Amino acid sequence: MKKTKMILGLSLVAVSGLILVAADHIDAPATASGGANDITDVYAFQGQNTNNLVFAVNTQGLLSPNATAAAKFDENIMIEINIDNNGDNVEDLVIQAIKRDDKMYFFGPVAPGTTGTTSTVKTAAASGSVTISQYGTAALTAEQNGMKFFAGPRDDPFFFDLGRFQAILGGTATGFSNPGTDTFAGTNVMSIVVEVPKSMLGSSSAVGVWAETKKKQ
């Protein structure tokens, strides 16, 4: 059982049935560690099957097509989705994702061994795995134990008009244009997506969700 140390975290609060998102593209070099553990977005939303909740964590933002073809998940970095189901802002459940060879392995949702900045890989709570999709090929998904999984490159879904935002800050514009210019158009991210039955997340009508990347020590 290996422990991991948190390198970067990104948080949001998610209410079951709503689509919520937090974004943070490109962190300082000291925390980004080459980008492999740089979280850009976290999404939580109700699945097409309304009995399920979907969690998506995007990393390695602003990848060009050429960079996307070479991008990989790091086997020494675990992506951890934290779920608070009693409103105390402490994780009650975690979903962990770890790359080994050409697959992403998932553990949980399960109670964490420890809370906070260190984690124990919950190997006894293995929930499934999926072959990591490659850039330019059809997306590969897997379904096991009532859950669905994806890992691989995706077009960056986050829309932001950075130029207009800078103009507003500089005082040369008073608001955003409609339509705006998507600064992230044509760029990609590395994503993991997990769809989970709500029954696995407790009985609360609302959950808090945040994600971390943690480096193996």
N, C-alpha and C. Protein backbone atom coordinates (compact mmCIF):
# COMPACT_ATOMS: atom_id res chain seq x y z
N MET A 1 0.85 -1.18 0.00
CA MET A 1 0.00 0.00 0.00
C MET A 1 0.89 1.23 0.00
N LYS A 2 0.84 2.02 -1.04
CA LYS A 2 1.70 3.19 -1.15
C LYS A 2 0.94 4.45 -0.80
N LYS A 3 1.61 5.38 -0.17
CA LYS A 3 1.01 6.67 0.13
C LYS A 3 1.43 7.68 -0.92
N THR A 4 0.59 8.66 -1.13
CA THR A 4 0.89 9.67 -2.13
C THR A 4 0.77 11.05 -1.51
N LYS A 5 1.47 11.98 -2.08
CA LYS A 5 1.48 13.35 -1.60
C LYS A 5 0.81 14.26 -2.60
N MET A 6 -0.06 15.15 -2.11
CA MET A 6 -0.79 16.03 -3.00
C MET A 6 0.16 17.04 -3.63
N ILE A 7 0.03 17.19 -4.95
CA ILE A 7 0.79 18.21 -5.67
C ILE A 7 -0.10 19.39 -6.01
N LEU A 8 -1.32 19.12 -6.46
CA LEU A 8 -2.19 20.21 -6.90
C LEU A 8 -3.63 19.82 -6.66
N GLY A 9 -4.45 20.74 -6.21
CA GLY A 9 -5.87 20.46 -6.04
C GLY A 9 -6.72 21.53 -6.69
N LEU A 10 -7.93 21.14 -7.08
CA LEU A 10 -8.89 22.08 -7.64
C LEU A 10 -10.25 21.68 -7.13
N SER A 11 -11.04 22.63 -6.65
CA SER A 11 -12.27 22.24 -5.99
C SER A 11 -13.48 22.95 -6.55
N LEU A 12 -14.63 22.33 -6.33
CA LEU A 12 -15.91 22.96 -6.59
C LEU A 12 -16.95 22.28 -5.74
N VAL A 13 -18.10 22.89 -5.63
CA VAL A 13 -19.21 22.28 -4.93
C VAL A 13 -20.23 21.86 -5.97
N ALA A 14 -20.69 20.64 -5.89
CA ALA A 14 -21.63 20.12 -6.87
C ALA A 14 -22.92 19.71 -6.19
N VAL A 15 -24.05 20.09 -6.76
CA VAL A 15 -25.35 19.69 -6.27
C VAL A 15 -25.92 18.69 -7.25
N SER A 16 -26.39 17.56 -6.75
CA SER A 16 -26.88 16.50 -7.61
C SER A 16 -27.94 17.03 -8.56
N GLY A 17 -27.77 16.71 -9.86
CA GLY A 17 -28.74 17.12 -10.86
C GLY A 17 -28.36 18.39 -11.60
N LEU A 18 -27.35 19.12 -11.11
CA LEU A 18 -26.91 20.33 -11.78
C LEU A 18 -25.56 20.10 -12.44
N ILE A 19 -25.27 20.89 -13.47
CA ILE A 19 -23.95 20.86 -14.10
C ILE A 19 -23.12 21.98 -13.49
N LEU A 20 -21.99 21.62 -12.89
CA LEU A 20 -21.13 22.62 -12.29
C LEU A 20 -19.70 22.37 -12.72
N VAL A 21 -18.91 23.44 -12.76
CA VAL A 21 -17.56 23.32 -13.29
C VAL A 21 -16.64 24.32 -12.60
N ALA A 22 -15.40 23.91 -12.41
CA ALA A 22 -14.35 24.84 -11.99
C ALA A 22 -13.21 24.72 -12.99
N ALA A 23 -12.50 25.82 -13.24
CA ALA A 23 -11.44 25.79 -14.24
C ALA A 23 -10.21 26.52 -13.73
N ASP A 24 -9.05 26.04 -14.16
CA ASP A 24 -7.78 26.63 -13.76
C ASP A 24 -6.72 26.13 -14.74
N HIS A 25 -6.61 26.78 -15.89
CA HIS A 25 -5.70 26.31 -16.93
C HIS A 25 -4.28 26.82 -16.68
N ILE A 26 -3.35 25.87 -16.56
CA ILE A 26 -1.91 26.10 -16.45
C ILE A 26 -1.54 26.79 -15.14
N ASP A 27 -0.88 26.00 -14.28
CA ASP A 27 -0.41 26.52 -13.01
C ASP A 27 1.06 26.89 -13.09
N ALA A 28 1.56 27.44 -12.00
CA ALA A 28 2.97 27.83 -11.95
C ALA A 28 3.85 26.60 -12.16
N PRO A 29 5.02 26.78 -12.79
CA PRO A 29 5.88 25.63 -13.08
C PRO A 29 6.22 24.79 -11.86
N ALA A 30 6.37 25.39 -10.70
CA ALA A 30 6.75 24.64 -9.51
C ALA A 30 5.68 23.65 -9.09
N THR A 31 4.40 23.97 -9.39
CA THR A 31 3.33 23.06 -9.02
C THR A 31 2.86 22.23 -10.20
N ALA A 32 3.08 22.71 -11.40
CA ALA A 32 2.58 22.00 -12.58
C ALA A 32 3.36 20.73 -12.86
N SER A 33 4.63 20.67 -12.49
CA SER A 33 5.45 19.47 -12.66
C SER A 33 5.36 18.93 -14.08
N GLY A 34 5.55 19.82 -15.05
CA GLY A 34 5.53 19.38 -16.43
C GLY A 34 4.15 19.21 -17.00
N GLY A 35 3.12 19.51 -16.22
CA GLY A 35 1.76 19.46 -16.73
C GLY A 35 1.00 18.20 -16.44
N ALA A 36 1.68 17.10 -16.13
CA ALA A 36 0.99 15.81 -15.95
C ALA A 36 0.03 15.84 -14.78
N ASN A 37 0.30 16.65 -13.77
CA ASN A 37 -0.61 16.71 -12.62
C ASN A 37 -1.30 18.06 -12.51
N ASP A 38 -1.34 18.82 -13.60
CA ASP A 38 -1.99 20.12 -13.63
C ASP A 38 -3.46 19.94 -14.00
N ILE A 39 -4.33 20.10 -13.02
CA ILE A 39 -5.77 19.97 -13.27
C ILE A 39 -6.29 21.25 -13.91
N THR A 40 -7.03 21.11 -15.01
CA THR A 40 -7.62 22.28 -15.66
C THR A 40 -9.08 22.46 -15.29
N ASP A 41 -9.85 21.40 -15.30
CA ASP A 41 -11.28 21.48 -15.03
C ASP A 41 -11.75 20.28 -14.22
N VAL A 42 -12.80 20.50 -13.44
CA VAL A 42 -13.53 19.42 -12.78
C VAL A 42 -15.01 19.63 -13.07
N TYR A 43 -15.68 18.57 -13.51
CA TYR A 43 -17.10 18.63 -13.82
C TYR A 43 -17.84 17.56 -13.01
N ALA A 44 -19.05 17.90 -12.56
CA ALA A 44 -19.94 16.92 -11.93
C ALA A 44 -21.34 17.20 -12.44
N PHE A 45 -21.98 16.19 -13.00
CA PHE A 45 -23.31 16.40 -13.57
C PHE A 45 -24.10 15.09 -13.58
N GLN A 46 -25.40 15.24 -13.64
CA GLN A 46 -26.28 14.08 -13.70
C GLN A 46 -26.12 13.38 -15.05
N GLY A 47 -26.06 12.06 -15.03
CA GLY A 47 -25.89 11.30 -16.26
C GLY A 47 -27.16 11.24 -17.08
N GLN A 48 -27.01 10.75 -18.30
CA GLN A 48 -28.19 10.51 -19.13
C GLN A 48 -29.15 9.58 -18.41
N ASN A 49 -28.60 8.59 -17.73
CA ASN A 49 -29.37 7.81 -16.77
C ASN A 49 -29.43 8.64 -15.50
N THR A 50 -30.60 9.15 -15.15
CA THR A 50 -30.73 10.11 -14.06
C THR A 50 -30.46 9.49 -12.69
N ASN A 51 -30.26 8.18 -12.64
CA ASN A 51 -29.88 7.54 -11.39
C ASN A 51 -28.36 7.60 -11.16
N ASN A 52 -27.64 8.15 -12.13
CA ASN A 52 -26.18 8.19 -12.07
C ASN A 52 -25.65 9.61 -11.99
N LEU A 53 -24.45 9.75 -11.43
CA LEU A 53 -23.74 11.01 -11.42
C LEU A 53 -22.42 10.79 -12.17
N VAL A 54 -22.04 11.78 -13.00
CA VAL A 54 -20.83 11.68 -13.80
C VAL A 54 -19.80 12.67 -13.25
N PHE A 55 -18.57 12.18 -13.10
CA PHE A 55 -17.45 13.01 -12.68
C PHE A 55 -16.41 13.02 -13.80
N ALA A 56 -15.92 14.20 -14.14
CA ALA A 56 -14.87 14.32 -15.16
C ALA A 56 -13.77 15.22 -14.62
N VAL A 57 -12.53 14.77 -14.77
CA VAL A 57 -11.37 15.56 -14.37
C VAL A 57 -10.46 15.69 -15.58
N ASN A 58 -10.16 16.92 -15.96
CA ASN A 58 -9.27 17.20 -17.10
C ASN A 58 -7.93 17.70 -16.60
N THR A 59 -6.86 17.22 -17.24
CA THR A 59 -5.50 17.63 -16.87
C THR A 59 -4.74 18.01 -18.14
N GLN A 60 -3.56 18.62 -17.95
CA GLN A 60 -2.64 18.93 -19.05
C GLN A 60 -3.28 19.82 -20.11
N GLY A 61 -3.69 20.99 -19.71
CA GLY A 61 -4.42 21.89 -20.60
C GLY A 61 -3.58 22.48 -21.72
N LEU A 62 -4.29 23.05 -22.70
CA LEU A 62 -3.71 23.79 -23.82
C LEU A 62 -2.80 22.92 -24.69
N LEU A 63 -3.14 21.63 -24.83
CA LEU A 63 -2.36 20.75 -25.69
C LEU A 63 -2.69 21.02 -27.16
N SER A 64 -1.67 21.27 -27.95
CA SER A 64 -1.86 21.36 -29.40
C SER A 64 -2.09 19.95 -29.95
N PRO A 65 -2.57 19.81 -31.20
CA PRO A 65 -2.73 18.47 -31.77
C PRO A 65 -1.45 17.64 -31.72
N ASN A 66 -0.30 18.25 -32.06
CA ASN A 66 0.95 17.51 -32.01
C ASN A 66 1.31 17.09 -30.59
N ALA A 67 1.11 18.00 -29.64
CA ALA A 67 1.41 17.68 -28.25
C ALA A 67 0.45 16.64 -27.71
N THR A 68 -0.80 16.67 -28.17
CA THR A 68 -1.78 15.69 -27.71
C THR A 68 -1.38 14.28 -28.11
N ALA A 69 -0.87 14.14 -29.32
CA ALA A 69 -0.47 12.82 -29.80
C ALA A 69 0.62 12.21 -28.92
N ALA A 70 1.43 13.05 -28.30
CA ALA A 70 2.53 12.56 -27.46
C ALA A 70 2.19 12.56 -25.97
N ALA A 71 1.06 13.16 -25.60
CA ALA A 71 0.71 13.31 -24.18
C ALA A 71 0.37 11.96 -23.56
N LYS A 72 0.75 11.79 -22.31
CA LYS A 72 0.48 10.55 -21.59
C LYS A 72 0.12 10.86 -20.15
N PHE A 73 -0.67 9.98 -19.56
CA PHE A 73 -0.86 10.01 -18.11
C PHE A 73 0.42 9.48 -17.45
N ASP A 74 0.75 10.01 -16.29
CA ASP A 74 1.96 9.63 -15.57
C ASP A 74 1.63 8.50 -14.60
N GLU A 75 2.37 7.40 -14.66
CA GLU A 75 2.11 6.26 -13.77
C GLU A 75 2.43 6.59 -12.31
N ASN A 76 3.17 7.64 -12.06
CA ASN A 76 3.51 8.03 -10.69
C ASN A 76 2.53 9.03 -10.09
N ILE A 77 1.47 9.36 -10.85
CA ILE A 77 0.50 10.35 -10.38
C ILE A 77 -0.89 9.73 -10.33
N MET A 78 -1.52 9.84 -9.19
CA MET A 78 -2.89 9.38 -9.02
C MET A 78 -3.84 10.56 -9.10
N ILE A 79 -4.91 10.41 -9.86
CA ILE A 79 -5.99 11.40 -9.89
C ILE A 79 -7.05 10.94 -8.91
N GLU A 80 -7.40 11.80 -7.98
CA GLU A 80 -8.36 11.42 -6.93
C GLU A 80 -9.54 12.39 -6.92
N ILE A 81 -10.73 11.84 -7.04
CA ILE A 81 -11.97 12.61 -6.91
C ILE A 81 -12.45 12.45 -5.48
N ASN A 82 -12.64 13.57 -4.80
CA ASN A 82 -13.08 13.57 -3.40
C ASN A 82 -14.55 13.96 -3.33
N ILE A 83 -15.30 13.24 -2.51
CA ILE A 83 -16.74 13.45 -2.40
C ILE A 83 -17.12 13.63 -0.94
N ASP A 84 -17.71 14.78 -0.63
CA ASP A 84 -18.22 15.07 0.72
C ASP A 84 -19.73 14.94 0.67
N ASN A 85 -20.28 14.00 1.42
CA ASN A 85 -21.74 13.80 1.37
C ASN A 85 -22.45 14.17 2.67
N ASN A 86 -21.75 14.90 3.57
CA ASN A 86 -22.43 15.35 4.79
C ASN A 86 -22.21 16.83 5.09
N GLY A 87 -21.60 17.55 4.16
CA GLY A 87 -21.51 19.00 4.26
C GLY A 87 -20.44 19.54 5.18
N ASP A 88 -19.46 18.70 5.59
CA ASP A 88 -18.43 19.20 6.49
C ASP A 88 -17.13 19.56 5.77
N ASN A 89 -17.15 19.51 4.44
CA ASN A 89 -15.98 19.87 3.62
C ASN A 89 -14.78 18.95 3.84
N VAL A 90 -15.05 17.73 4.25
CA VAL A 90 -14.03 16.68 4.37
C VAL A 90 -14.50 15.50 3.55
N GLU A 91 -13.58 14.89 2.80
CA GLU A 91 -13.99 13.80 1.92
C GLU A 91 -14.48 12.59 2.70
N ASP A 92 -15.68 12.12 2.35
CA ASP A 92 -16.24 10.89 2.91
C ASP A 92 -15.99 9.70 2.00
N LEU A 93 -15.87 9.98 0.70
CA LEU A 93 -15.60 8.95 -0.30
C LEU A 93 -14.56 9.47 -1.28
N VAL A 94 -13.80 8.56 -1.85
CA VAL A 94 -12.86 8.92 -2.91
C VAL A 94 -13.01 7.94 -4.07
N ILE A 95 -12.73 8.46 -5.27
CA ILE A 95 -12.57 7.63 -6.46
C ILE A 95 -11.16 7.90 -6.96
N GLN A 96 -10.35 6.87 -7.06
CA GLN A 96 -8.94 7.01 -7.43
C GLN A 96 -8.70 6.42 -8.80
N ALA A 97 -7.85 7.06 -9.59
CA ALA A 97 -7.50 6.59 -10.93
C ALA A 97 -5.99 6.56 -11.07
N ILE A 98 -5.45 5.41 -11.49
CA ILE A 98 -4.01 5.22 -11.61
C ILE A 98 -3.71 4.51 -12.93
N LYS A 99 -2.76 5.04 -13.68
CA LYS A 99 -2.35 4.44 -14.95
C LYS A 99 -1.33 3.33 -14.72
N ARG A 100 -1.53 2.21 -15.42
CA ARG A 100 -0.53 1.16 -15.50
C ARG A 100 -0.50 0.66 -16.93
N ASP A 101 0.65 0.79 -17.59
CA ASP A 101 0.80 0.41 -18.99
C ASP A 101 -0.21 1.16 -19.84
N ASP A 102 -1.07 0.45 -20.58
CA ASP A 102 -2.01 1.14 -21.48
C ASP A 102 -3.41 1.25 -20.89
N LYS A 103 -3.55 1.04 -19.59
CA LYS A 103 -4.87 1.08 -18.96
C LYS A 103 -4.91 2.06 -17.80
N MET A 104 -6.11 2.55 -17.51
CA MET A 104 -6.37 3.34 -16.32
C MET A 104 -7.21 2.48 -15.38
N TYR A 105 -6.73 2.34 -14.15
CA TYR A 105 -7.41 1.53 -13.15
C TYR A 105 -8.10 2.44 -12.14
N PHE A 106 -9.32 2.06 -11.76
CA PHE A 106 -10.15 2.88 -10.88
C PHE A 106 -10.44 2.11 -9.59
N PHE A 107 -10.47 2.86 -8.48
CA PHE A 107 -10.76 2.31 -7.16
C PHE A 107 -11.81 3.20 -6.49
N GLY A 108 -12.82 2.58 -5.87
CA GLY A 108 -13.88 3.32 -5.21
C GLY A 108 -15.12 3.47 -6.10
N PRO A 109 -16.13 4.25 -5.60
CA PRO A 109 -16.07 5.11 -4.42
C PRO A 109 -15.97 4.31 -3.13
N VAL A 110 -15.07 4.78 -2.25
CA VAL A 110 -14.77 4.09 -1.01
C VAL A 110 -14.31 5.12 0.00
N ALA A 111 -14.50 4.83 1.27
CA ALA A 111 -14.01 5.73 2.32
C ALA A 111 -12.49 5.80 2.25
N PRO A 112 -11.92 7.00 2.37
CA PRO A 112 -10.46 7.12 2.27
C PRO A 112 -9.76 6.51 3.47
N GLY A 113 -8.53 6.03 3.24
CA GLY A 113 -7.73 5.56 4.37
C GLY A 113 -7.32 6.71 5.26
N THR A 114 -7.00 7.85 4.65
CA THR A 114 -6.70 9.09 5.36
C THR A 114 -7.35 10.22 4.59
N THR A 115 -7.62 11.32 5.27
CA THR A 115 -8.16 12.50 4.60
C THR A 115 -7.06 13.54 4.47
N GLY A 116 -7.28 14.50 3.59
CA GLY A 116 -6.32 15.59 3.45
C GLY A 116 -5.31 15.35 2.36
N THR A 117 -4.07 15.72 2.63
CA THR A 117 -3.07 15.81 1.56
C THR A 117 -2.35 14.51 1.28
N THR A 118 -2.56 13.46 2.06
CA THR A 118 -1.97 12.16 1.75
C THR A 118 -3.07 11.14 1.54
N SER A 119 -2.80 10.14 0.71
CA SER A 119 -3.79 9.13 0.40
C SER A 119 -3.14 7.75 0.36
N THR A 120 -3.91 6.76 0.73
CA THR A 120 -3.52 5.37 0.55
C THR A 120 -4.31 4.82 -0.62
N VAL A 121 -3.65 4.16 -1.55
CA VAL A 121 -4.34 3.57 -2.69
C VAL A 121 -5.24 2.45 -2.18
N LYS A 122 -6.52 2.54 -2.47
CA LYS A 122 -7.51 1.59 -1.94
C LYS A 122 -7.63 0.38 -2.87
N THR A 123 -6.58 -0.43 -2.86
CA THR A 123 -6.51 -1.56 -3.81
C THR A 123 -7.61 -2.58 -3.59
N ALA A 124 -8.13 -2.67 -2.37
CA ALA A 124 -9.20 -3.64 -2.09
C ALA A 124 -10.54 -3.20 -2.65
N ALA A 125 -10.62 -1.95 -3.11
CA ALA A 125 -11.89 -1.41 -3.62
C ALA A 125 -11.82 -1.19 -5.13
N ALA A 126 -11.11 -2.07 -5.84
CA ALA A 126 -11.02 -1.94 -7.30
C ALA A 126 -12.41 -1.98 -7.91
N SER A 127 -12.70 -1.00 -8.78
CA SER A 127 -14.04 -0.93 -9.39
C SER A 127 -14.03 -1.20 -10.88
N GLY A 128 -12.86 -1.09 -11.54
CA GLY A 128 -12.82 -1.38 -12.97
C GLY A 128 -11.60 -0.75 -13.62
N SER A 129 -11.46 -0.97 -14.90
CA SER A 129 -10.37 -0.40 -15.68
C SER A 129 -10.83 -0.16 -17.10
N VAL A 130 -10.08 0.67 -17.81
CA VAL A 130 -10.40 0.95 -19.21
C VAL A 130 -9.10 1.16 -19.96
N THR A 131 -9.04 0.69 -21.19
CA THR A 131 -7.89 0.96 -22.04
C THR A 131 -7.88 2.44 -22.38
N ILE A 132 -6.72 3.08 -22.23
CA ILE A 132 -6.61 4.51 -22.49
C ILE A 132 -6.75 4.78 -23.98
N SER A 133 -7.67 5.65 -24.33
CA SER A 133 -7.90 6.00 -25.73
C SER A 133 -6.72 6.79 -26.28
N GLN A 134 -6.43 6.61 -27.55
CA GLN A 134 -5.33 7.31 -28.21
C GLN A 134 -5.87 8.45 -29.06
N TYR A 135 -5.08 9.49 -29.21
CA TYR A 135 -5.48 10.65 -29.99
C TYR A 135 -5.76 10.25 -31.44
N GLY A 136 -6.88 10.72 -31.98
CA GLY A 136 -7.25 10.45 -33.36
C GLY A 136 -7.96 9.14 -33.58
N THR A 137 -8.26 8.40 -32.50
CA THR A 137 -8.98 7.14 -32.62
C THR A 137 -10.30 7.24 -31.87
N ALA A 138 -11.18 6.28 -32.10
CA ALA A 138 -12.47 6.28 -31.43
C ALA A 138 -12.30 6.12 -29.92
N ALA A 139 -13.14 6.79 -29.17
CA ALA A 139 -13.07 6.72 -27.71
C ALA A 139 -13.40 5.31 -27.23
N LEU A 140 -12.61 4.83 -26.29
CA LEU A 140 -12.83 3.52 -25.68
C LEU A 140 -13.43 3.71 -24.30
N THR A 141 -14.52 3.01 -24.01
CA THR A 141 -15.14 3.06 -22.69
C THR A 141 -15.27 1.64 -22.15
N ALA A 142 -15.48 1.55 -20.86
CA ALA A 142 -15.69 0.25 -20.22
C ALA A 142 -16.78 0.39 -19.18
N GLU A 143 -17.49 -0.70 -18.92
CA GLU A 143 -18.54 -0.71 -17.92
C GLU A 143 -18.35 -1.93 -17.03
N GLN A 144 -18.15 -1.67 -15.74
CA GLN A 144 -17.95 -2.73 -14.76
C GLN A 144 -18.57 -2.32 -13.44
N ASN A 145 -19.13 -3.28 -12.74
CA ASN A 145 -19.69 -3.05 -11.40
C ASN A 145 -20.68 -1.89 -11.36
N GLY A 146 -21.46 -1.75 -12.44
CA GLY A 146 -22.46 -0.70 -12.52
C GLY A 146 -21.90 0.68 -12.80
N MET A 147 -20.59 0.79 -13.04
CA MET A 147 -19.95 2.06 -13.32
C MET A 147 -19.42 2.08 -14.74
N LYS A 148 -19.20 3.29 -15.28
CA LYS A 148 -18.63 3.45 -16.62
C LYS A 148 -17.36 4.29 -16.53
N PHE A 149 -16.38 3.98 -17.42
CA PHE A 149 -15.07 4.60 -17.32
C PHE A 149 -14.56 5.03 -18.69
N PHE A 150 -13.80 6.14 -18.68
CA PHE A 150 -13.08 6.61 -19.87
C PHE A 150 -11.79 7.27 -19.41
N ALA A 151 -10.74 7.13 -20.21
CA ALA A 151 -9.50 7.87 -19.98
C ALA A 151 -8.83 8.13 -21.33
N GLY A 152 -8.42 9.37 -21.55
CA GLY A 152 -7.74 9.68 -22.81
C GLY A 152 -7.89 11.14 -23.18
N PRO A 153 -7.40 11.52 -24.36
CA PRO A 153 -7.46 12.92 -24.81
C PRO A 153 -8.86 13.31 -25.26
N ARG A 154 -9.21 14.55 -25.01
CA ARG A 154 -10.50 15.12 -25.44
C ARG A 154 -10.27 16.58 -25.82
N ASP A 155 -11.13 17.07 -26.68
CA ASP A 155 -11.14 18.50 -26.97
C ASP A 155 -11.49 19.26 -25.70
N ASP A 156 -10.76 20.34 -25.42
CA ASP A 156 -11.03 21.11 -24.21
C ASP A 156 -12.43 21.72 -24.29
N PRO A 157 -13.34 21.33 -23.40
CA PRO A 157 -14.72 21.83 -23.51
C PRO A 157 -14.93 23.20 -22.88
N PHE A 158 -13.93 23.70 -22.17
CA PHE A 158 -14.13 24.96 -21.45
C PHE A 158 -14.02 26.14 -22.41
N PHE A 159 -14.97 27.07 -22.31
CA PHE A 159 -15.00 28.25 -23.18
C PHE A 159 -14.61 29.47 -22.36
N PHE A 160 -13.61 30.21 -22.86
CA PHE A 160 -13.23 31.44 -22.18
C PHE A 160 -12.60 32.39 -23.19
N ASP A 161 -13.04 33.65 -23.13
CA ASP A 161 -12.50 34.68 -24.01
C ASP A 161 -11.44 35.46 -23.25
N LEU A 162 -10.20 34.98 -23.29
CA LEU A 162 -9.12 35.57 -22.51
C LEU A 162 -8.80 36.99 -22.98
N GLY A 163 -8.80 37.22 -24.30
CA GLY A 163 -8.50 38.55 -24.80
C GLY A 163 -9.47 39.59 -24.29
N ARG A 164 -10.76 39.27 -24.34
CA ARG A 164 -11.77 40.21 -23.86
C ARG A 164 -11.66 40.41 -22.35
N PHE A 165 -11.36 39.33 -21.63
CA PHE A 165 -11.19 39.41 -20.19
C PHE A 165 -10.06 40.37 -19.83
N GLN A 166 -8.95 40.27 -20.57
CA GLN A 166 -7.82 41.17 -20.32
C GLN A 166 -8.17 42.61 -20.66
N ALA A 167 -9.00 42.78 -21.69
CA ALA A 167 -9.43 44.13 -22.05
C ALA A 167 -10.31 44.73 -20.95
N ILE A 168 -11.17 43.91 -20.36
CA ILE A 168 -12.01 44.39 -19.25
C ILE A 168 -11.13 44.80 -18.08
N LEU A 169 -10.14 43.96 -17.75
CA LEU A 169 -9.23 44.29 -16.64
C LEU A 169 -8.44 45.55 -16.94
N GLY A 170 -8.10 45.75 -18.23
CA GLY A 170 -7.32 46.92 -18.62
C GLY A 170 -8.14 48.18 -18.80
N GLY A 171 -9.46 48.06 -18.69
CA GLY A 171 -10.32 49.23 -18.78
C GLY A 171 -10.68 49.65 -20.18
N THR A 172 -10.35 48.82 -21.18
CA THR A 172 -10.69 49.18 -22.57
C THR A 172 -11.97 48.51 -23.04
N ALA A 173 -12.61 47.72 -22.19
CA ALA A 173 -13.89 47.09 -22.51
C ALA A 173 -14.69 46.99 -21.22
N THR A 174 -16.00 47.02 -21.36
CA THR A 174 -16.86 47.00 -20.17
C THR A 174 -17.56 45.67 -19.97
N GLY A 175 -17.50 44.80 -20.96
CA GLY A 175 -18.18 43.51 -20.83
C GLY A 175 -17.73 42.55 -21.92
N PHE A 176 -18.19 41.34 -21.83
CA PHE A 176 -17.83 40.32 -22.82
C PHE A 176 -18.66 40.47 -24.08
N SER A 177 -18.09 40.06 -25.20
CA SER A 177 -18.79 40.08 -26.48
C SER A 177 -19.72 38.88 -26.60
N ASN A 178 -20.74 39.01 -27.43
CA ASN A 178 -21.65 37.90 -27.68
C ASN A 178 -21.87 37.79 -29.19
N PRO A 179 -21.26 36.78 -29.86
CA PRO A 179 -20.48 35.70 -29.24
C PRO A 179 -19.06 36.16 -28.96
N GLY A 180 -18.41 35.45 -28.03
CA GLY A 180 -17.03 35.74 -27.72
C GLY A 180 -16.09 34.90 -28.57
N THR A 181 -14.81 35.04 -28.33
CA THR A 181 -13.78 34.25 -29.01
C THR A 181 -13.24 33.22 -28.04
N ASP A 182 -13.32 31.94 -28.39
CA ASP A 182 -12.89 30.88 -27.49
C ASP A 182 -11.36 30.75 -27.53
N THR A 183 -10.71 31.17 -26.46
CA THR A 183 -9.25 31.10 -26.38
C THR A 183 -8.76 29.65 -26.46
N PHE A 184 -9.58 28.71 -26.00
CA PHE A 184 -9.15 27.31 -25.94
C PHE A 184 -9.52 26.50 -27.18
N ALA A 185 -10.07 27.15 -28.18
CA ALA A 185 -10.45 26.43 -29.41
C ALA A 185 -9.22 25.77 -30.02
N GLY A 186 -9.38 24.52 -30.41
CA GLY A 186 -8.29 23.79 -31.05
C GLY A 186 -7.29 23.19 -30.09
N THR A 187 -7.53 23.33 -28.79
CA THR A 187 -6.62 22.73 -27.81
C THR A 187 -7.31 21.56 -27.11
N ASN A 188 -6.50 20.70 -26.52
CA ASN A 188 -7.02 19.46 -25.93
C ASN A 188 -6.56 19.30 -24.49
N VAL A 189 -7.16 18.33 -23.83
CA VAL A 189 -6.81 17.97 -22.46
C VAL A 189 -6.76 16.46 -22.35
N MET A 190 -6.16 15.97 -21.28
CA MET A 190 -6.22 14.55 -20.95
C MET A 190 -7.28 14.37 -19.87
N SER A 191 -8.24 13.49 -20.12
CA SER A 191 -9.43 13.40 -19.27
C SER A 191 -9.59 12.01 -18.66
N ILE A 192 -10.16 11.99 -17.46
CA ILE A 192 -10.77 10.77 -16.95
C ILE A 192 -12.23 11.08 -16.67
N VAL A 193 -13.10 10.12 -16.96
CA VAL A 193 -14.53 10.28 -16.74
C VAL A 193 -15.05 9.02 -16.07
N VAL A 194 -15.82 9.20 -15.00
CA VAL A 194 -16.39 8.08 -14.26
C VAL A 194 -17.87 8.35 -14.06
N GLU A 195 -18.71 7.40 -14.43
CA GLU A 195 -20.15 7.50 -14.17
C GLU A 195 -20.51 6.51 -13.08
N VAL A 196 -21.16 7.00 -12.02
CA VAL A 196 -21.37 6.23 -10.81
C VAL A 196 -22.85 6.26 -10.42
N PRO A 197 -23.44 5.14 -10.05
CA PRO A 197 -24.80 5.18 -9.51
C PRO A 197 -24.85 6.05 -8.26
N LYS A 198 -25.87 6.89 -8.16
CA LYS A 198 -26.00 7.76 -6.99
C LYS A 198 -26.10 6.95 -5.70
N SER A 199 -26.60 5.73 -5.80
CA SER A 199 -26.75 4.89 -4.61
C SER A 199 -25.41 4.56 -3.97
N MET A 200 -24.31 4.68 -4.73
CA MET A 200 -22.97 4.42 -4.19
C MET A 200 -22.39 5.62 -3.45
N LEU A 201 -23.09 6.76 -3.50
CA LEU A 201 -22.55 8.01 -2.97
C LEU A 201 -23.21 8.45 -1.68
N GLY A 202 -24.08 7.62 -1.12
CA GLY A 202 -24.78 7.99 0.10
C GLY A 202 -26.17 8.51 -0.19
N SER A 203 -26.86 8.91 0.86
CA SER A 203 -28.27 9.29 0.73
C SER A 203 -28.50 10.79 0.64
N SER A 204 -27.45 11.59 0.72
CA SER A 204 -27.61 13.04 0.68
C SER A 204 -28.09 13.50 -0.69
N SER A 205 -28.90 14.56 -0.72
CA SER A 205 -29.38 15.12 -1.98
C SER A 205 -28.36 16.04 -2.62
N ALA A 206 -27.30 16.37 -1.90
CA ALA A 206 -26.25 17.24 -2.44
C ALA A 206 -24.89 16.70 -1.99
N VAL A 207 -23.91 16.82 -2.86
CA VAL A 207 -22.55 16.40 -2.52
C VAL A 207 -21.57 17.50 -2.89
N GLY A 208 -20.48 17.59 -2.14
CA GLY A 208 -19.37 18.46 -2.50
C GLY A 208 -18.33 17.63 -3.22
N VAL A 209 -17.73 18.20 -4.27
CA VAL A 209 -16.78 17.46 -5.10
C VAL A 209 -15.54 18.30 -5.36
N TRP A 210 -14.37 17.71 -5.20
CA TRP A 210 -13.12 18.35 -5.62
C TRP A 210 -12.16 17.26 -6.05
N ALA A 211 -11.15 17.65 -6.80
CA ALA A 211 -10.20 16.67 -7.32
C ALA A 211 -8.78 17.09 -6.99
N GLU A 212 -7.92 16.09 -6.87
CA GLU A 212 -6.50 16.32 -6.60
C GLU A 212 -5.67 15.39 -7.48
N THR A 213 -4.47 15.80 -7.77
CA THR A 213 -3.47 14.87 -8.31
C THR A 213 -2.42 14.69 -7.22
N LYS A 214 -2.03 13.44 -7.02
CA LYS A 214 -1.12 13.11 -5.93
C LYS A 214 0.03 12.28 -6.47
N LYS A 215 1.24 12.64 -6.07
CA LYS A 215 2.43 12.00 -6.61
C LYS A 215 2.92 10.90 -5.67
N LYS A 216 3.26 9.75 -6.25
CA LYS A 216 3.73 8.61 -5.46
C LYS A 216 5.04 8.96 -4.76
N GLN A 217 5.11 8.58 -3.50
CA GLN A 217 6.31 8.85 -2.70
C GLN A 217 7.06 7.55 -2.43
